[in-house]
């Protein structure tokens, strides 16, 4: 199997379900275990994403706070992978921010992927990418010159018990990142800056 990010041949098995890439350090689920679109959508429909839930608002707040601090209501944003409960968009719109929503299952408006944005955010989305190289290059192409790609995902590190880690146990998580993986994305795709602050990752 070839790494879908760096195109390296995957040979090191992390466990029976995942490879660990020797180049970009990503943890890549074996392709034969990738869920199909019907199962994937059914899993997302199980998520109880209520935009008025204060716990959900708090969980997603790293992205919301970053945008409120670094962008103005005059800037144009894209909620990529908005899902069934676009809580970040809802919070930003309360502050008069302009946010468009795209999701391949729940807001499938491909014309939005032809526009340019000051910021794009994706909360708990990038671990579902089957082709992360193509996805990140596409997202970068949608950014204006000073734009930012703002993400939330859990990063793996060697101190974690991978076998029992909850992120690894989600059957829809096919591509898991380490810090080195995002450094590879920054360098290979010519982003100017990388910020990693816990679950918050920003590529400028």
Foldseek 3Di string as FASTA:
>chain_A
DAPLAPRHDFDAAPDPFWTQDPQQRKTFGDPVLADDPVVVLVVLVPDPAALPDVVNCVVPVVVLVVCVVPHDLVFEEEEEQCGPHNNSVVVVVVRNHHYHYDHVVPRPDCVLLVAAGQEYEYEQPQLLDPRNNVVLLSVVVRYDPNHKYKYFDAADDPVDPLVPDPLNVPSSRRIHHHPSNVVCVCVVNVFPDWDDDGRIIMTD
